[in-house]
Each structure stands twice: as structure tokens, then as C-alpha cells.
Protein backbone atom coordinates (compact mmCIF):
# COMPACT_ATOMS: atom_id res chain seq x y z
CA MET A 1 18.61 -32.15 26.25
CA LEU A 2 19.30 -33.77 22.90
CA ARG A 3 16.13 -35.30 23.37
CA SER A 4 14.05 -32.55 24.08
CA LEU A 5 15.74 -30.62 21.12
CA ARG A 6 14.07 -29.99 18.15
CA GLN A 7 14.61 -28.34 14.42
CA GLY A 8 14.08 -24.52 15.30
CA ASP A 9 14.69 -24.27 19.05
CA VAL A 10 17.18 -22.01 19.50
CA LEU A 11 20.05 -22.63 22.30
CA SER A 12 22.41 -19.76 24.58
CA PHE A 13 25.52 -22.21 23.53
CA GLY A 14 27.37 -21.67 20.30
CA ALA A 15 29.24 -19.45 18.19
CA VAL A 16 30.00 -18.72 14.44
CA ALA A 17 33.25 -19.98 12.85
CA ILE A 18 34.36 -18.03 9.73
CA VAL A 19 37.28 -19.50 8.32
CA GLY A 20 38.96 -17.77 5.31
CA THR A 21 42.38 -16.26 4.61
CA HIS A 22 43.64 -12.62 5.40
CA SER A 23 42.50 -11.07 2.10
CA SER A 24 39.08 -11.56 3.21
CA GLN A 25 36.56 -8.55 3.79
CA VAL A 26 34.10 -11.20 5.57
CA LEU A 27 37.42 -11.52 8.37
CA THR A 28 37.84 -7.73 8.32
CA ALA A 29 34.43 -6.96 9.27
CA ALA A 30 34.93 -9.67 12.05
CA GLY A 31 37.44 -7.31 13.56
CA ASP A 32 40.72 -9.26 12.03
CA ALA A 33 43.36 -6.72 11.75
CA LEU A 34 45.37 -8.31 9.29
CA ALA A 35 42.67 -9.08 7.03
CA GLY A 36 42.48 -6.12 5.25
CA ASP A 37 46.10 -6.06 4.80
CA PRO A 38 46.99 -6.43 1.13
CA ASP A 39 50.93 -6.97 2.31
CA GLN A 40 49.89 -9.91 4.53
CA GLN A 41 50.88 -13.07 3.27
CA ALA A 42 47.30 -15.10 2.30
CA ARG A 43 47.03 -17.88 5.14
CA VAL A 44 44.17 -19.85 6.40
CA ALA A 45 42.63 -18.37 9.25
CA SER A 46 39.53 -18.82 11.99
CA VAL A 47 37.32 -16.00 13.64
CA THR A 48 34.84 -16.91 16.04
CA ILE A 49 31.76 -14.22 16.56
CA GLU A 50 29.27 -14.65 19.26
CA SER A 51 25.64 -13.26 18.03
CA ALA A 52 24.60 -9.96 19.56
CA SER A 53 21.58 -12.06 20.81
CA GLY A 54 23.21 -15.02 22.20
CA TRP A 55 21.03 -17.37 20.60
CA TYR A 56 21.40 -20.04 17.89
CA ALA A 57 18.72 -22.22 16.14
CA VAL A 58 18.97 -25.35 15.73
CA LEU A 59 18.99 -26.46 11.76
CA SER A 60 19.60 -30.17 12.05
CA GLN A 61 16.84 -32.26 11.64
CA ASP A 62 14.85 -34.20 14.65
CA CYS A 63 16.04 -37.57 13.89
CA ASP A 64 20.20 -36.54 13.49
CA ILE A 65 19.64 -34.74 16.68
CA VAL A 66 19.19 -37.44 18.95
CA ARG A 67 21.02 -40.15 16.60
CA SER A 68 24.23 -41.32 18.22
CA VAL A 69 27.42 -38.87 18.17
CA ALA A 70 29.40 -41.72 16.35
CA ILE A 71 26.73 -41.22 13.21
CA GLU A 72 25.82 -37.58 14.04
CA PRO A 73 28.68 -36.05 15.89
CA CYS A 74 27.10 -32.45 15.52
CA LEU A 75 24.40 -30.14 15.70
CA THR A 76 24.08 -27.65 12.97
CA LEU A 77 23.09 -23.72 14.12
CA ALA A 78 22.38 -20.53 12.39
CA PRO A 79 22.81 -17.32 14.63
CA VAL A 80 19.50 -15.52 15.73
CA VAL A 81 20.35 -11.78 14.66
CA TYR A 82 18.12 -8.33 14.76
CA ILE A 83 16.83 -6.46 12.01
CA ASP A 84 14.33 -3.54 11.71
CA ASP A 85 10.51 -3.86 12.43
CA GLU A 86 9.76 -2.85 9.01
CA GLU A 87 11.56 -5.88 7.34
CA TRP A 88 10.70 -8.50 9.66
CA GLY A 89 7.24 -7.45 9.00
CA LYS A 90 7.56 -8.36 5.50
CA LEU A 91 9.18 -11.26 6.03
CA ALA A 92 6.20 -12.52 8.90
CA VAL A 93 3.21 -11.41 6.05
CA GLY A 94 5.04 -14.13 3.29
CA GLN A 95 7.88 -11.73 1.82
CA THR A 96 10.03 -14.53 2.32
CA SER A 97 14.04 -14.77 2.16
CA TYR A 98 16.26 -17.54 1.35
CA ARG A 99 18.47 -16.04 4.35
CA LEU A 100 16.80 -15.01 7.09
CA PHE A 101 13.29 -16.23 9.00
CA PRO A 102 11.30 -14.53 10.87
CA LEU A 103 11.07 -15.59 14.86
CA PRO A 104 8.16 -14.36 17.44
CA PRO A 105 9.61 -11.16 19.49
CA ASP A 106 7.75 -12.37 22.65
CA ARG A 107 9.28 -15.96 22.68
CA ILE A 108 13.09 -14.34 22.09
CA SER A 109 14.32 -13.15 25.75
CA PRO A 110 15.50 -10.67 26.84
CA LEU A 111 15.23 -8.39 23.52
CA PRO A 112 17.40 -5.62 23.50
CA PRO A 113 15.99 -2.47 24.91
CA ALA A 114 14.34 -0.20 22.41
CA ASN A 115 17.29 2.77 22.52
CA SER A 116 19.84 0.14 22.10
CA ASP A 117 22.36 0.85 20.14
CA LEU A 118 21.89 -1.86 17.12
CA ALA A 119 22.54 -0.61 13.81
CA ASN A 120 19.99 -3.30 11.92
CA GLY A 121 17.13 -3.12 14.45
CA ARG A 122 15.76 -5.49 17.41
CA SER A 123 13.30 -8.09 15.85
CA PRO A 124 14.77 -11.00 15.70
CA VAL A 125 15.54 -13.79 12.71
CA VAL A 126 17.37 -16.37 12.10
CA ASP A 127 20.08 -15.75 9.92
CA LEU A 128 21.32 -18.79 7.24
CA ARG A 129 24.01 -17.24 5.72
CA TYR A 130 26.53 -17.81 8.60
CA VAL A 131 26.42 -21.64 9.77
CA SER A 132 28.60 -23.65 12.26
CA SER A 133 28.56 -26.83 13.71
CA LEU A 134 28.32 -27.66 17.58
CA ASP A 135 30.11 -31.08 19.08
CA LYS A 136 27.18 -32.49 20.81
CA THR A 137 29.38 -33.36 23.44
CA ALA A 138 30.28 -30.06 24.21
CA LEU A 139 26.72 -29.50 25.66
CA LEU A 140 27.71 -32.33 28.48
CA THR A 141 30.50 -29.60 29.98
CA VAL A 142 28.47 -26.56 30.26
CA SER A 143 25.59 -26.71 32.81
CA ASP A 144 23.81 -23.41 32.17
CA VAL A 145 23.01 -23.42 28.43
CA GLU A 146 19.31 -22.14 27.80
CA ARG A 147 17.05 -23.43 25.33
CA ARG A 148 13.93 -22.04 23.76
CA THR A 149 11.12 -23.17 21.54
CA PRO A 150 10.16 -20.28 19.87
CA LEU A 151 8.35 -21.73 17.03
CA GLY A 152 5.01 -23.28 17.06
CA ALA A 153 4.24 -26.61 15.00
CA ARG A 154 3.06 -24.56 11.59
CA ALA A 155 5.98 -22.37 11.75
CA ARG A 156 8.39 -25.41 12.54
CA ASN A 157 7.15 -26.93 9.33
CA ARG A 158 7.80 -23.96 7.64
CA PHE A 159 11.40 -23.70 8.98
CA GLY A 160 12.17 -27.03 8.05
CA GLU A 161 11.05 -26.07 4.30
CA TRP A 162 12.93 -23.04 4.44
CA VAL A 163 16.28 -24.65 5.53
CA GLY A 164 15.78 -27.09 2.60
CA GLN A 165 15.24 -24.50 0.15
CA ARG A 166 17.61 -22.71 0.95
CA TYR A 167 19.78 -25.63 -0.49
CA ALA A 168 17.29 -26.89 -3.30
CA ARG A 169 15.93 -23.85 -4.77
CA VAL A 170 13.39 -24.80 -7.29
CA PRO A 171 13.68 -22.87 -10.79
CA PHE A 172 10.61 -21.26 -12.44
CA GLU A 173 10.68 -20.88 -16.52
CA ASP A 174 13.28 -18.05 -17.38
CA ARG A 175 10.44 -15.59 -18.70
CA VAL A 176 8.33 -15.86 -15.59
CA VAL A 177 11.27 -15.15 -13.31
CA GLU A 178 12.25 -12.37 -15.96
CA ASP A 179 8.66 -10.78 -16.75
CA VAL A 180 6.26 -11.85 -13.87
CA LEU A 181 7.49 -12.10 -10.69
CA PRO A 182 9.59 -8.84 -10.59
CA ALA A 183 6.89 -6.93 -12.12
CA ILE A 184 4.38 -7.81 -9.54
CA ARG A 185 6.92 -7.76 -6.60
CA PRO A 186 6.58 -4.02 -5.73
CA VAL A 187 2.46 -4.59 -5.37
CA LEU A 188 3.48 -6.71 -2.29
CA ASP A 189 5.77 -4.27 -1.31
CA SER A 190 3.21 -1.71 -1.32
CA MET A 191 0.27 -3.71 0.59
CA PHE A 192 2.61 -4.13 3.39
CA ARG A 193 3.06 -0.29 3.65
CA GLN A 194 -0.62 0.07 3.26
CA ARG A 195 -1.02 -2.23 6.36
CA ALA A 196 0.94 -0.29 8.36
CA LYS A 197 -1.64 2.65 8.11
CA ALA A 198 -4.66 1.29 9.53
CA PRO A 199 -5.40 -1.21 12.40
CA ALA A 200 -6.59 -4.91 11.95
CA GLY A 201 -10.19 -4.77 10.77
CA SER A 202 -10.59 -1.30 9.02
CA ARG A 203 -7.69 -2.06 6.40
CA LYS A 204 -8.60 -2.29 2.61
CA ALA A 205 -9.09 -5.76 1.07
CA ALA A 206 -5.70 -6.41 -0.60
CA PRO A 207 -3.63 -5.04 2.41
CA ALA A 208 -5.79 -7.43 4.72
CA PHE A 209 -5.53 -10.37 2.55
CA VAL A 210 -1.81 -10.07 2.63
CA GLY A 211 -1.62 -10.11 6.25
CA CYS A 212 -3.48 -13.52 6.49
CA VAL A 213 -0.49 -14.99 4.22
CA SER A 214 2.76 -16.71 5.36
CA ALA A 215 4.16 -17.49 2.10
CA TRP A 216 3.68 -17.31 -1.32
CA TYR A 217 3.94 -20.24 -4.39
CA VAL A 218 3.60 -20.25 -7.86
CA ARG A 219 2.72 -22.52 -10.68
CA HIS A 220 2.32 -21.83 -14.22
CA ALA A 221 0.82 -23.55 -17.30
CA GLU A 222 1.51 -22.13 -20.37
CA ARG A 223 1.02 -18.40 -20.29
CA LEU A 224 -1.22 -18.55 -16.96
CA VAL A 225 0.86 -17.80 -14.00
CA GLU A 226 -0.84 -18.89 -10.69
CA VAL A 227 0.25 -16.87 -7.38
CA MET A 228 -0.98 -18.75 -4.10
CA GLY A 229 -1.06 -17.24 -1.32
CA ARG A 230 -0.59 -19.90 1.78
CA LEU A 231 -3.47 -19.03 4.25
CA GLU A 232 -2.34 -18.84 7.91
CA PRO A 233 -5.31 -19.33 10.08
CA GLY A 234 -3.72 -17.29 13.38
CA LYS A 235 -2.75 -14.12 10.92
CA ALA A 236 -6.08 -14.35 9.68
CA ARG A 237 -7.66 -14.31 13.16
CA ALA A 238 -5.42 -11.10 13.70
CA GLU A 239 -6.91 -9.32 10.67
CA LYS A 240 -10.10 -10.23 12.04
CA LEU A 241 -11.24 -12.41 8.90
CA LEU A 242 -11.49 -15.59 11.45
CA THR A 243 -13.44 -15.23 13.95
CA THR A 244 -15.31 -18.04 16.45
CA GLY A 245 -18.73 -18.59 15.43
CA PRO A 246 -22.12 -19.28 17.62
CA ASP A 247 -21.31 -23.00 17.88
CA GLY A 248 -17.82 -22.47 19.29
CA GLU A 249 -16.39 -23.34 15.37
CA PRO A 250 -13.64 -21.51 13.60
CA LYS A 251 -15.59 -19.32 10.84
CA LEU A 252 -13.60 -17.99 8.07
CA ASN A 253 -14.70 -14.94 6.21
CA VAL A 254 -14.16 -16.41 2.62
CA LYS A 255 -16.04 -13.13 1.02
CA ALA A 256 -13.48 -10.70 2.59
CA LEU A 257 -10.31 -13.27 1.45
CA ASN A 258 -11.99 -13.42 -2.17
CA ASP A 259 -12.64 -9.54 -2.10
CA GLY A 260 -8.82 -9.37 -1.15
CA VAL A 261 -7.69 -11.54 -3.99
CA ARG A 262 -9.72 -9.92 -6.67
CA ALA A 263 -7.93 -6.43 -5.56
CA LEU A 264 -4.63 -7.94 -5.41
CA GLN A 265 -4.89 -9.65 -8.75
CA LYS A 266 -6.33 -6.56 -10.24
CA ALA A 267 -3.24 -4.74 -8.87
CA MET A 268 -0.43 -7.58 -10.13
CA ALA A 269 -2.06 -7.54 -13.60
CA ALA A 270 -1.93 -3.77 -14.22
CA LYS A 271 2.01 -4.35 -13.67
CA LEU A 272 2.33 -6.94 -16.33
CA ASP A 273 3.87 -6.39 -19.56
CA ALA A 274 0.67 -6.52 -22.20
CA ASP A 275 3.61 -7.80 -24.99
CA ALA A 276 5.12 -10.53 -22.89
CA GLY A 277 1.65 -12.23 -22.98
CA TYR A 278 1.02 -13.65 -19.66
CA ALA A 279 -1.93 -13.92 -17.89
CA LEU A 280 -2.16 -13.85 -13.76
CA GLN A 281 -4.63 -15.20 -11.44
CA VAL A 282 -4.27 -15.16 -7.56
CA THR A 283 -5.68 -17.60 -5.14
CA TRP A 284 -5.61 -18.48 -1.46
CA ARG A 285 -4.92 -21.86 0.24
CA ASP A 286 -5.26 -23.47 3.47
CA PHE A 287 -2.30 -26.21 3.48
CA ASP A 288 -4.36 -28.04 6.02
CA GLU A 289 -6.80 -29.18 2.95
CA MET A 290 -4.77 -29.34 0.25
CA SER A 291 -3.28 -32.70 -0.51
CA ALA A 292 0.55 -33.59 -0.89
CA ALA A 293 0.02 -34.09 -4.71
CA GLU A 294 -1.55 -30.71 -5.42
CA PHE A 295 1.03 -29.34 -3.11
CA GLU A 296 4.14 -30.54 -5.29
CA THR A 297 2.21 -28.54 -8.39
CA TYR A 298 3.84 -25.41 -6.85
CA SER A 299 7.09 -23.85 -6.13
CA PRO A 300 7.66 -21.46 -3.27
CA TRP A 301 8.48 -17.73 -4.44
CA ILE A 302 11.04 -16.26 -2.40
CA VAL A 303 9.84 -12.73 -2.83
CA GLN A 304 12.87 -10.59 -1.31
CA ASP A 305 15.05 -12.84 -3.78
CA ASP A 306 14.00 -10.98 -6.62
CA PRO A 307 14.63 -7.31 -7.97
CA GLU A 308 12.12 -5.05 -6.72
CA ALA A 309 11.07 -3.72 -9.96
CA SER A 310 12.09 -5.00 -13.60
CA SER A 311 13.59 -2.26 -14.55
CA GLN A 312 16.25 -3.16 -12.15
CA ARG A 313 17.12 -6.31 -13.77
């Protein structure tokens, strides 16, 4: 099983262990009756929680998965949890979070029934707020461990980047964080809502462009801030902006993408404070055509970690 596992795969074997004291809000939420009693003497406690989905995503890198147990004795796992469709949809079009990574619902089965009593929805994500270690040798003692491979090659690469970014966040210049990114984030939120109002192929230019993006990146030089959308061919095809030509080759509707970029840039620029002195440029790139040297000039913009508006700073 270890030889077949890869980072981003999910297993049906595992649990989340939370360690703390009896005066812990997390332990109380987990069902420890003593944890909310202030009269209890603080002492170390551990609670093991099973995910409602029954699935746990492998965070360990491929080389560490197969490495000898003498060197790497454990797999690092995070639970698969459920959120509502709207929040999942935002994550899927690049409104990324350091905490949650969207998984394709059709690759996580069985999904709970539509009328199930789940407070937070039924669309699957990996939740990196709770991480556990699983002894590799435990896999030898359980015969019915199930495994799924929900991520394709591109999504698997993004997953690996996402895990790393959680622990190595790249900072932007203070004024970009304070004056630019929080001001333009509501525009992305509004584009998502507009996408929901029309089917693919009939959406306005900017919402259609946003639907083609899997992640957002930022770089800045002096007072020019560039916001770059990472084009995802599969998403572009779903938006009907990538088709197959008569010669059998994929054909991208560059005009429609550029129309969307201009509309999005105009909407974002209108939200900037003129006194801040920043100019904004929106671009898009297919990462298959980008050199590693140029990629390193960008920093990922984890959209959902920003306030929704500059007034909320």
C-alpha cells in the first residue's frame, strides 16, 4: 500500500488526535465533559476524533511515504470534512485558503445524502487545521483499508504547493496587504455570485474568466501591483472557452479571456483608494508555458485569508 500511495490520496483509516488541557475549548467541542469545567485541575488530555467523512488525506511527500519506517515511521494525515457548496465553489475557482483544499465530490464516495444532517454542508475538503500522525506499521494490521486517488496530476501539484504554503507563507509589502488586496477581494466574491446566475457559455466576460482560474498570484514593482490568474485548462473547457479545433488540437478563446481580464481589472481598479497611489494590472498565464524563474517572481495570494473589505481591517 505504501508503494502505491501518493501525496493527496485519501485513506479510510485514521483519526484526529487533539492534545490539550481540561480548560480547552477544542476538547469541549470534541465531547470531553471535563474540558469546560474551570474547577478541574489542568492536566494533559488527549481526544481522538473520527472524521464524519471517514477519509483522511495524505500530507506526507511521496518520498517520505515509501521511506523506511526507521527513518520515516509515520504518515502525516489531515481529515476530509464537508462544507457547503457555495464555499466549496469559491475554493474551486481560486479563492484559496490556507486551511481548506477542495476535493472533487465525484471522487469522494459515498457522499452523505442531500438531506443528511450536516451543519456545514456536504462538499468535501481537506482540513489542514487538524493534523495527525499515523504509524505506517498500523496498515499491516487492518485488512480493509480503502484508498482513493481524488486528485489528477495538476491538482496533485497544487495540493503539494498548498501544504507547503501553510507553513511557509510568503509576505507581501505591508501597504499592498493593507491598501490593495483587501480592497479588491470583494470583486472576486461578486464574480462568483454572478457566475451562479448564468450557465457556462452565457456568462459575462469577467465571471467567465474567473471560472477558468485555479489560483491567484501577485507580484509588485514599485507602485504597480499585478494580479495573475493561473489558467486551468479543464476549468476553461467547462466555461466553454477551450474547445477542440478541426485539427483535433485544443483551441483557447484568447479574445474572451482578455475581455474578461479587462472587465475584472476595471472593476478591481475602481475599488482602490486613489490616494494610496497604486496601479493595478490583471493578467492570466498557463503555468505549463511559464518558466520556473518567472514563476518565482510571483507570490500566491491566499484570497480567503484577507478581510472581505478594507473597512474590516
